[in-house]
Full PDB file with SEQRES, HELIX, SHEET, SSBOND, CRYST1, ORIGX, SCALE, CONECT and MASTER records, all heavy atoms in Angstrom:
SEQRES   1 A   33  GLU GLY ASP ARG ALA THR ILE ARG ALA HIS LEU THR ALA          
SEQRES   2 A   33  VAL HIS VAL ARG ARG ALA ALA GLU PRO GLY VAL HIS PHE          
SEQRES   3 A   33  THR ILE GLY GLY HIS TYR GLU                                  
SHEET    1 AA1 2 ALA A   9  VAL A  16  0                                        
SHEET    2 AA1 2 HIS A  25  TYR A  32 -1                                        
CRYST1    1.000    1.000    1.000  90.00  90.00  90.00 P 1           1          
ORIGX1      1.000000  0.000000  0.000000        0.00000                         
ORIGX2      0.000000  1.000000  0.000000        0.00000                         
ORIGX3      0.000000  0.000000  1.000000        0.00000                         
SCALE1      1.000000  0.000000  0.000000        0.00000                         
SCALE2      0.000000  1.000000  0.000000        0.00000                         
SCALE3      0.000000  0.000000  1.000000        0.00000                         
ATOM      1  N   GLU A   1      89.383 111.485  67.094  1.00  0.00           N  
ATOM      2  CA  GLU A   1      90.051 111.668  65.803  1.00  0.00           C  
ATOM      3  C   GLU A   1      90.199 110.295  65.175  1.00  0.00           C  
ATOM      4  O   GLU A   1      91.073 109.518  65.580  1.00  0.00           O  
ATOM      5  CB  GLU A   1      91.410 112.324  65.982  1.00  0.00           C  
ATOM      6  CG  GLU A   1      91.319 113.775  66.410  1.00  0.00           C  
ATOM      7  CD  GLU A   1      92.679 114.457  66.441  1.00  0.00           C  
ATOM      8  OE1 GLU A   1      93.586 114.029  65.691  1.00  0.00           O  
ATOM      9  OE2 GLU A   1      92.822 115.410  67.219  1.00  0.00           O  
ATOM     10  N   GLY A   2      89.339 109.978  64.248  1.00  0.00           N  
ATOM     11  CA  GLY A   2      89.376 108.668  63.606  1.00  0.00           C  
ATOM     12  C   GLY A   2      89.074 107.573  64.608  1.00  0.00           C  
ATOM     13  O   GLY A   2      88.022 107.567  65.236  1.00  0.00           O  
ATOM     14  N   ASP A   3      90.008 106.648  64.757  1.00  0.00           N  
ATOM     15  CA  ASP A   3      89.835 105.507  65.668  1.00  0.00           C  
ATOM     16  C   ASP A   3      90.518 105.716  67.017  1.00  0.00           C  
ATOM     17  O   ASP A   3      90.745 104.762  67.752  1.00  0.00           O  
ATOM     18  CB  ASP A   3      90.371 104.226  65.017  1.00  0.00           C  
ATOM     19  CG  ASP A   3      89.494 103.758  63.874  1.00  0.00           C  
ATOM     20  OD1 ASP A   3      88.288 104.094  63.881  1.00  0.00           O  
ATOM     21  OD2 ASP A   3      90.000 103.070  62.978  1.00  0.00           O  
ATOM     22  N   ARG A   4      90.832 106.960  67.348  1.00  0.00           N  
ATOM     23  CA  ARG A   4      91.464 107.264  68.635  1.00  0.00           C  
ATOM     24  C   ARG A   4      90.648 108.333  69.355  1.00  0.00           C  
ATOM     25  O   ARG A   4      90.045 109.198  68.730  1.00  0.00           O  
ATOM     26  CB  ARG A   4      92.896 107.737  68.435  1.00  0.00           C  
ATOM     27  CG  ARG A   4      93.754 106.661  67.761  1.00  0.00           C  
ATOM     28  CD  ARG A   4      95.210 106.744  68.096  1.00  0.00           C  
ATOM     29  NE  ARG A   4      95.549 106.749  69.494  1.00  0.00           N  
ATOM     30  CZ  ARG A   4      95.695 105.669  70.259  1.00  0.00           C  
ATOM     31  NH1 ARG A   4      95.467 104.484  69.773  1.00  0.00           N  
ATOM     32  NH2 ARG A   4      96.052 105.768  71.520  1.00  0.00           N  
ATOM     33  N   ALA A   5      90.654 108.266  70.677  1.00  0.00           N  
ATOM     34  CA  ALA A   5      89.928 109.251  71.472  1.00  0.00           C  
ATOM     35  C   ALA A   5      90.769 109.655  72.680  1.00  0.00           C  
ATOM     36  O   ALA A   5      91.568 108.866  73.183  1.00  0.00           O  
ATOM     37  CB  ALA A   5      88.591 108.676  71.944  1.00  0.00           C  
ATOM     38  N   THR A   6      90.570 110.880  73.129  1.00  0.00           N  
ATOM     39  CA  THR A   6      91.175 111.380  74.355  1.00  0.00           C  
ATOM     40  C   THR A   6      90.034 111.799  75.277  1.00  0.00           C  
ATOM     41  O   THR A   6      89.123 112.512  74.855  1.00  0.00           O  
ATOM     42  CB  THR A   6      92.085 112.587  74.082  1.00  0.00           C  
ATOM     43  OG1 THR A   6      93.114 112.188  73.183  1.00  0.00           O  
ATOM     44  CG2 THR A   6      92.708 113.110  75.359  1.00  0.00           C  
ATOM     45  N   ILE A   7      90.080 111.326  76.513  1.00  0.00           N  
ATOM     46  CA  ILE A   7      89.043 111.601  77.494  1.00  0.00           C  
ATOM     47  C   ILE A   7      89.686 112.315  78.674  1.00  0.00           C  
ATOM     48  O   ILE A   7      90.694 111.847  79.205  1.00  0.00           O  
ATOM     49  CB  ILE A   7      88.377 110.302  77.990  1.00  0.00           C  
ATOM     50  CG1 ILE A   7      87.837 109.494  76.811  1.00  0.00           C  
ATOM     51  CG2 ILE A   7      87.277 110.595  78.990  1.00  0.00           C  
ATOM     52  CD1 ILE A   7      88.662 108.295  76.475  1.00  0.00           C  
ATOM     53  N   ARG A   8      89.093 113.429  79.097  1.00  0.00           N  
ATOM     54  CA  ARG A   8      89.560 114.150  80.279  1.00  0.00           C  
ATOM     55  C   ARG A   8      88.367 114.362  81.197  1.00  0.00           C  
ATOM     56  O   ARG A   8      87.251 114.605  80.731  1.00  0.00           O  
ATOM     57  CB  ARG A   8      90.136 115.508  79.888  1.00  0.00           C  
ATOM     58  CG  ARG A   8      91.392 115.411  79.060  1.00  0.00           C  
ATOM     59  CD  ARG A   8      91.918 116.817  78.718  1.00  0.00           C  
ATOM     60  NE  ARG A   8      93.105 116.741  77.919  1.00  0.00           N  
ATOM     61  CZ  ARG A   8      93.130 116.739  76.584  1.00  0.00           C  
ATOM     62  NH1 ARG A   8      92.008 116.818  75.901  1.00  0.00           N  
ATOM     63  NH2 ARG A   8      94.263 116.652  75.937  1.00  0.00           N  
ATOM     64  N   ALA A   9      88.592 114.299  82.514  1.00  0.00           N  
ATOM     65  CA  ALA A   9      87.510 114.521  83.479  1.00  0.00           C  
ATOM     66  C   ALA A   9      88.094 114.834  84.848  1.00  0.00           C  
ATOM     67  O   ALA A   9      89.268 114.570  85.117  1.00  0.00           O  
ATOM     68  CB  ALA A   9      86.607 113.300  83.572  1.00  0.00           C  
ATOM     69  N   HIS A  10      87.258 115.387  85.704  1.00  0.00           N  
ATOM     70  CA  HIS A  10      87.596 115.624  87.106  1.00  0.00           C  
ATOM     71  C   HIS A  10      87.003 114.478  87.924  1.00  0.00           C  
ATOM     72  O   HIS A  10      85.954 113.930  87.561  1.00  0.00           O  
ATOM     73  CB  HIS A  10      87.022 116.959  87.588  1.00  0.00           C  
ATOM     74  CG  HIS A  10      87.609 118.129  86.883  1.00  0.00           C  
ATOM     75  ND1 HIS A  10      88.772 118.730  87.284  1.00  0.00           N  
ATOM     76  CD2 HIS A  10      87.206 118.787  85.778  1.00  0.00           C  
ATOM     77  CE1 HIS A  10      89.061 119.718  86.462  1.00  0.00           C  
ATOM     78  NE2 HIS A  10      88.131 119.775  85.546  1.00  0.00           N  
ATOM     79  N   LEU A  11      87.648 114.120  89.028  1.00  0.00           N  
ATOM     80  CA  LEU A  11      87.192 113.001  89.843  1.00  0.00           C  
ATOM     81  C   LEU A  11      87.291 113.332  91.322  1.00  0.00           C  
ATOM     82  O   LEU A  11      88.287 113.898  91.776  1.00  0.00           O  
ATOM     83  CB  LEU A  11      88.046 111.755  89.567  1.00  0.00           C  
ATOM     84  CG  LEU A  11      87.749 110.535  90.418  1.00  0.00           C  
ATOM     85  CD1 LEU A  11      86.436 109.896  89.991  1.00  0.00           C  
ATOM     86  CD2 LEU A  11      88.879 109.535  90.321  1.00  0.00           C  
ATOM     87  N   THR A  12      86.245 112.982  92.063  1.00  0.00           N  
ATOM     88  CA  THR A  12      86.261 112.984  93.521  1.00  0.00           C  
ATOM     89  C   THR A  12      85.850 111.576  93.941  1.00  0.00           C  
ATOM     90  O   THR A  12      84.891 111.023  93.402  1.00  0.00           O  
ATOM     91  CB  THR A  12      85.265 114.008  94.103  1.00  0.00           C  
ATOM     92  OG1 THR A  12      85.604 115.299  93.608  1.00  0.00           O  
ATOM     93  CG2 THR A  12      85.321 114.024  95.614  1.00  0.00           C  
ATOM     94  N   ALA A  13      86.587 110.981  94.871  1.00  0.00           N  
ATOM     95  CA  ALA A  13      86.291 109.613  95.286  1.00  0.00           C  
ATOM     96  C   ALA A  13      86.419 109.475  96.798  1.00  0.00           C  
ATOM     97  O   ALA A  13      87.372 109.966  97.394  1.00  0.00           O  
ATOM     98  CB  ALA A  13      87.239 108.630  94.597  1.00  0.00           C  
ATOM     99  N   VAL A  14      85.441 108.804  97.391  1.00  0.00           N  
ATOM    100  CA  VAL A  14      85.428 108.534  98.827  1.00  0.00           C  
ATOM    101  C   VAL A  14      85.589 107.025  99.009  1.00  0.00           C  
ATOM    102  O   VAL A  14      84.897 106.236  98.363  1.00  0.00           O  
ATOM    103  CB  VAL A  14      84.107 109.011  99.481  1.00  0.00           C  
ATOM    104  CG1 VAL A  14      84.104 108.695 100.962  1.00  0.00           C  
ATOM    105  CG2 VAL A  14      83.901 110.500  99.234  1.00  0.00           C  
ATOM    106  N   HIS A  15      86.517 106.629  99.881  1.00  0.00           N  
ATOM    107  CA  HIS A  15      86.822 105.219 100.134  1.00  0.00           C  
ATOM    108  C   HIS A  15      86.624 104.935 101.622  1.00  0.00           C  
ATOM    109  O   HIS A  15      87.279 105.559 102.452  1.00  0.00           O  
ATOM    110  CB  HIS A  15      88.266 104.913  99.745  1.00  0.00           C  
ATOM    111  CG  HIS A  15      88.590 105.304  98.335  1.00  0.00           C  
ATOM    112  ND1 HIS A  15      88.947 106.593  98.007  1.00  0.00           N  
ATOM    113  CD2 HIS A  15      88.591 104.591  97.202  1.00  0.00           C  
ATOM    114  CE1 HIS A  15      89.164 106.649  96.696  1.00  0.00           C  
ATOM    115  NE2 HIS A  15      88.953 105.447  96.182  1.00  0.00           N  
ATOM    116  N   VAL A  16      85.738 104.011 101.947  1.00  0.00           N  
ATOM    117  CA  VAL A  16      85.402 103.674 103.331  1.00  0.00           C  
ATOM    118  C   VAL A  16      85.978 102.296 103.644  1.00  0.00           C  
ATOM    119  O   VAL A  16      85.632 101.306 102.997  1.00  0.00           O  
ATOM    120  CB  VAL A  16      83.864 103.676 103.541  1.00  0.00           C  
ATOM    121  CG1 VAL A  16      83.508 103.269 104.963  1.00  0.00           C  
ATOM    122  CG2 VAL A  16      83.292 105.054 103.209  1.00  0.00           C  
ATOM    123  N   ARG A  17      86.881 102.234 104.631  1.00  0.00           N  
ATOM    124  CA  ARG A  17      87.502 100.952 105.007  1.00  0.00           C  
ATOM    125  C   ARG A  17      86.484  99.953 105.527  1.00  0.00           C  
ATOM    126  O   ARG A  17      86.474  98.796 105.125  1.00  0.00           O  
ATOM    127  CB  ARG A  17      88.559 101.156 106.083  1.00  0.00           C  
ATOM    128  CG  ARG A  17      89.851 101.663 105.556  1.00  0.00           C  
ATOM    129  CD  ARG A  17      90.893 101.713 106.673  1.00  0.00           C  
ATOM    130  NE  ARG A  17      92.020 102.479 106.194  1.00  0.00           N  
ATOM    131  CZ  ARG A  17      92.963 101.987 105.404  1.00  0.00           C  
ATOM    132  NH1 ARG A  17      92.932 100.741 105.035  1.00  0.00           N  
ATOM    133  NH2 ARG A  17      93.948 102.759 104.979  1.00  0.00           N  
ATOM    134  N   ARG A  18      85.654 100.371 106.486  1.00  0.00           N  
ATOM    135  CA  ARG A  18      84.656  99.484 107.093  1.00  0.00           C  
ATOM    136  C   ARG A  18      83.281 100.113 106.953  1.00  0.00           C  
ATOM    137  O   ARG A  18      83.062 101.244 107.402  1.00  0.00           O  
ATOM    138  CB  ARG A  18      85.000  99.240 108.566  1.00  0.00           C  
ATOM    139  CG  ARG A  18      86.218  98.319 108.732  1.00  0.00           C  
ATOM    140  CD  ARG A  18      86.622  98.143 110.179  1.00  0.00           C  
ATOM    141  NE  ARG A  18      87.288  99.322 110.748  1.00  0.00           N  
ATOM    142  CZ  ARG A  18      88.536  99.703 110.450  1.00  0.00           C  
ATOM    143  NH1 ARG A  18      89.249  99.028 109.590  1.00  0.00           N  
ATOM    144  NH2 ARG A  18      89.064 100.765 111.021  1.00  0.00           N  
ATOM    145  N   ALA A  19      82.356  99.367 106.373  1.00  0.00           N  
ATOM    146  CA  ALA A  19      81.004  99.876 106.148  1.00  0.00           C  
ATOM    147  C   ALA A  19      80.357 100.330 107.453  1.00  0.00           C  
ATOM    148  O   ALA A  19      79.555 101.266 107.453  1.00  0.00           O  
ATOM    149  CB  ALA A  19      80.150  98.811 105.473  1.00  0.00           C  
ATOM    150  N   ALA A  20      80.715  99.703 108.564  1.00  0.00           N  
ATOM    151  CA  ALA A  20      80.140 100.060 109.866  1.00  0.00           C  
ATOM    152  C   ALA A  20      80.657 101.402 110.378  1.00  0.00           C  
ATOM    153  O   ALA A  20      80.107 101.943 111.332  1.00  0.00           O  
ATOM    154  CB  ALA A  20      80.441  98.960 110.888  1.00  0.00           C  
ATOM    155  N   GLU A  21      81.722 101.948 109.751  1.00  0.00           N  
ATOM    156  CA  GLU A  21      82.301 103.229 110.154  1.00  0.00           C  
ATOM    157  C   GLU A  21      82.394 104.175 108.950  1.00  0.00           C  
ATOM    158  O   GLU A  21      83.486 104.522 108.518  1.00  0.00           O  
ATOM    159  CB  GLU A  21      83.685 103.013 110.739  1.00  0.00           C  
ATOM    160  CG  GLU A  21      83.718 102.161 111.988  1.00  0.00           C  
ATOM    161  CD  GLU A  21      85.140 101.992 112.486  1.00  0.00           C  
ATOM    162  OE1 GLU A  21      85.657 102.944 113.107  1.00  0.00           O  
ATOM    163  OE2 GLU A  21      85.722 100.924 112.233  1.00  0.00           O  
ATOM    164  N   PRO A  22      81.254 104.602 108.404  1.00  0.00           N  
ATOM    165  CA  PRO A  22      81.295 105.424 107.189  1.00  0.00           C  
ATOM    166  C   PRO A  22      81.928 106.798 107.378  1.00  0.00           C  
ATOM    167  O   PRO A  22      82.357 107.416 106.405  1.00  0.00           O  
ATOM    168  CB  PRO A  22      79.823 105.547 106.793  1.00  0.00           C  
ATOM    169  CG  PRO A  22      79.067 105.354 108.064  1.00  0.00           C  
ATOM    170  CD  PRO A  22      79.890 104.374 108.869  1.00  0.00           C  
ATOM    171  N   GLY A  23      82.018 107.265 108.622  1.00  0.00           N  
ATOM    172  CA  GLY A  23      82.628 108.566 108.878  1.00  0.00           C  
ATOM    173  C   GLY A  23      84.135 108.555 108.792  1.00  0.00           C  
ATOM    174  O   GLY A  23      84.773 109.608 108.718  1.00  0.00           O  
ATOM    175  N   VAL A  24      84.733 107.376 108.789  1.00  0.00           N  
ATOM    176  CA  VAL A  24      86.185 107.236 108.664  1.00  0.00           C  
ATOM    177  C   VAL A  24      86.459 106.851 107.217  1.00  0.00           C  
ATOM    178  O   VAL A  24      86.140 105.742 106.789  1.00  0.00           O  
ATOM    179  CB  VAL A  24      86.731 106.155 109.623  1.00  0.00           C  
ATOM    180  CG1 VAL A  24      88.233 106.014 109.453  1.00  0.00           C  
ATOM    181  CG2 VAL A  24      86.352 106.478 111.053  1.00  0.00           C  
ATOM    182  N   HIS A  25      87.015 107.795 106.476  1.00  0.00           N  
ATOM    183  CA  HIS A  25      87.212 107.508 105.056  1.00  0.00           C  
ATOM    184  C   HIS A  25      88.441 108.211 104.495  1.00  0.00           C  
ATOM    185  O   HIS A  25      88.992 109.124 105.096  1.00  0.00           O  
ATOM    186  CB  HIS A  25      85.967 107.873 104.248  1.00  0.00           C  
ATOM    187  CG  HIS A  25      85.441 109.247 104.531  1.00  0.00           C  
ATOM    188  ND1 HIS A  25      85.975 110.378 103.989  1.00  0.00           N  
ATOM    189  CD2 HIS A  25      84.428 109.652 105.326  1.00  0.00           C  
ATOM    190  CE1 HIS A  25      85.303 111.422 104.406  1.00  0.00           C  
ATOM    191  NE2 HIS A  25      84.357 111.010 105.236  1.00  0.00           N  
ATOM    192  N   PHE A  26      88.850 107.756 103.330  1.00  0.00           N  
ATOM    193  CA  PHE A  26      89.956 108.311 102.561  1.00  0.00           C  
ATOM    194  C   PHE A  26      89.330 108.943 101.328  1.00  0.00           C  
ATOM    195  O   PHE A  26      88.633 108.270 100.568  1.00  0.00           O  
ATOM    196  CB  PHE A  26      90.929 107.186 102.189  1.00  0.00           C  
ATOM    197  CG  PHE A  26      92.022 107.598 101.241  1.00  0.00           C  
ATOM    198  CD1 PHE A  26      92.904 108.608 101.574  1.00  0.00           C  
ATOM    199  CD2 PHE A  26      92.183 106.950 100.034  1.00  0.00           C  
ATOM    200  CE1 PHE A  26      93.927 108.976 100.709  1.00  0.00           C  
ATOM    201  CE2 PHE A  26      93.211 107.301  99.172  1.00  0.00           C  
ATOM    202  CZ  PHE A  26      94.077 108.314  99.508  1.00  0.00           C  
ATOM    203  N   THR A  27      89.537 110.242 101.168  1.00  0.00           N  
ATOM    204  CA  THR A  27      88.912 110.969 100.070  1.00  0.00           C  
ATOM    205  C   THR A  27      89.995 111.579  99.190  1.00  0.00           C  
ATOM    206  O   THR A  27      91.008 112.080  99.692  1.00  0.00           O  
ATOM    207  CB  THR A  27      87.995 112.079 100.617  1.00  0.00           C  
ATOM    208  OG1 THR A  27      87.076 111.485 101.529  1.00  0.00           O  
ATOM    209  CG2 THR A  27      87.233 112.763  99.516  1.00  0.00           C  
ATOM    210  N   ILE A  28      89.783 111.530  97.868  1.00  0.00           N  
ATOM    211  CA  ILE A  28      90.741 112.103  96.922  1.00  0.00           C  
ATOM    212  C   ILE A  28      90.017 112.979  95.911  1.00  0.00           C  
ATOM    213  O   ILE A  28      88.819 112.834  95.678  1.00  0.00           O  
ATOM    214  CB  ILE A  28      91.540 111.014  96.171  1.00  0.00           C  
ATOM    215  CG1 ILE A  28      90.623 110.159  95.301  1.00  0.00           C  
ATOM    216  CG2 ILE A  28      92.337 110.161  97.140  1.00  0.00           C  
ATOM    217  CD1 ILE A  28      91.352 109.227  94.357  1.00  0.00           C  
ATOM    218  N   GLY A  29      90.775 113.873  95.317  1.00  0.00           N  
ATOM    219  CA  GLY A  29      90.269 114.697  94.229  1.00  0.00           C  
ATOM    220  C   GLY A  29      91.372 114.948  93.234  1.00  0.00           C  
ATOM    221  O   GLY A  29      92.544 115.067  93.594  1.00  0.00           O  
ATOM    222  N   GLY A  30      91.018 114.993  91.992  1.00  0.00           N  
ATOM    223  CA  GLY A  30      91.999 115.246  90.949  1.00  0.00           C  
ATOM    224  C   GLY A  30      91.358 115.180  89.581  1.00  0.00           C  
ATOM    225  O   GLY A  30      90.139 115.279  89.443  1.00  0.00           O  
ATOM    226  N   HIS A  31      92.181 114.988  88.592  1.00  0.00           N  
ATOM    227  CA  HIS A  31      91.656 114.864  87.231  1.00  0.00           C  
ATOM    228  C   HIS A  31      92.447 113.805  86.485  1.00  0.00           C  
ATOM    229  O   HIS A  31      93.564 113.446  86.867  1.00  0.00           O  
ATOM    230  CB  HIS A  31      91.684 116.209  86.497  1.00  0.00           C  
ATOM    231  CG  HIS A  31      92.932 117.000  86.696  1.00  0.00           C  
ATOM    232  ND1 HIS A  31      94.051 116.846  85.929  1.00  0.00           N  
ATOM    233  CD2 HIS A  31      93.233 117.944  87.620  1.00  0.00           C  
ATOM    234  CE1 HIS A  31      94.990 117.669  86.336  1.00  0.00           C  
ATOM    235  NE2 HIS A  31      94.518 118.354  87.371  1.00  0.00           N  
ATOM    236  N   TYR A  32      91.829 113.284  85.452  1.00  0.00           N  
ATOM    237  CA  TYR A  32      92.507 112.253  84.688  1.00  0.00           C  
ATOM    238  C   TYR A  32      92.416 112.505  83.193  1.00  0.00           C  
ATOM    239  O   TYR A  32      91.572 113.261  82.716  1.00  0.00           O  
ATOM    240  CB  TYR A  32      91.990 110.856  85.031  1.00  0.00           C  
ATOM    241  CG  TYR A  32      90.558 110.561  84.652  1.00  0.00           C  
ATOM    242  CD1 TYR A  32      90.218 110.164  83.367  1.00  0.00           C  
ATOM    243  CD2 TYR A  32      89.552 110.637  85.597  1.00  0.00           C  
ATOM    244  CE1 TYR A  32      88.914 109.868  83.033  1.00  0.00           C  
ATOM    245  CE2 TYR A  32      88.240 110.345  85.277  1.00  0.00           C  
ATOM    246  CZ  TYR A  32      87.931 109.962  83.986  1.00  0.00           C  
ATOM    247  OH  TYR A  32      86.634 109.674  83.664  1.00  0.00           O  
ATOM    248  N   GLU A  33      93.333 111.867  82.495  1.00  0.00           N  
ATOM    249  CA  GLU A  33      93.329 111.856  81.045  1.00  0.00           C  
ATOM    250  C   GLU A  33      93.519 110.419  80.607  1.00  0.00           C  
ATOM    251  O   GLU A  33      94.410 109.721  81.100  1.00  0.00           O  
ATOM    252  CB  GLU A  33      94.438 112.733  80.471  1.00  0.00           C  
ATOM    253  CG  GLU A  33      94.410 112.766  78.950  1.00  0.00           C  
ATOM    254  CD  GLU A  33      95.371 113.773  78.360  1.00  0.00           C  
ATOM    255  OE1 GLU A  33      95.338 114.948  78.774  1.00  0.00           O  
ATOM    256  OE2 GLU A  33      96.156 113.361  77.482  1.00  0.00           O  
TER     257      GLU A  33                                                      
MASTER        0    0    0    0    2    0    0    6  256    1    0    3          
END                                                                             
C-alpha cells in the first residue's frame, strides 16, 4: 500500500551445532509477519 508493505510467510529451519554431527539438530517451525 503505497510506500509500505506487509509480508507473511511460513518458516521451517534446521540448526546444526556441529557440522560433524548433522543428525543432532534444533528444528523449528512457525510463521512470521
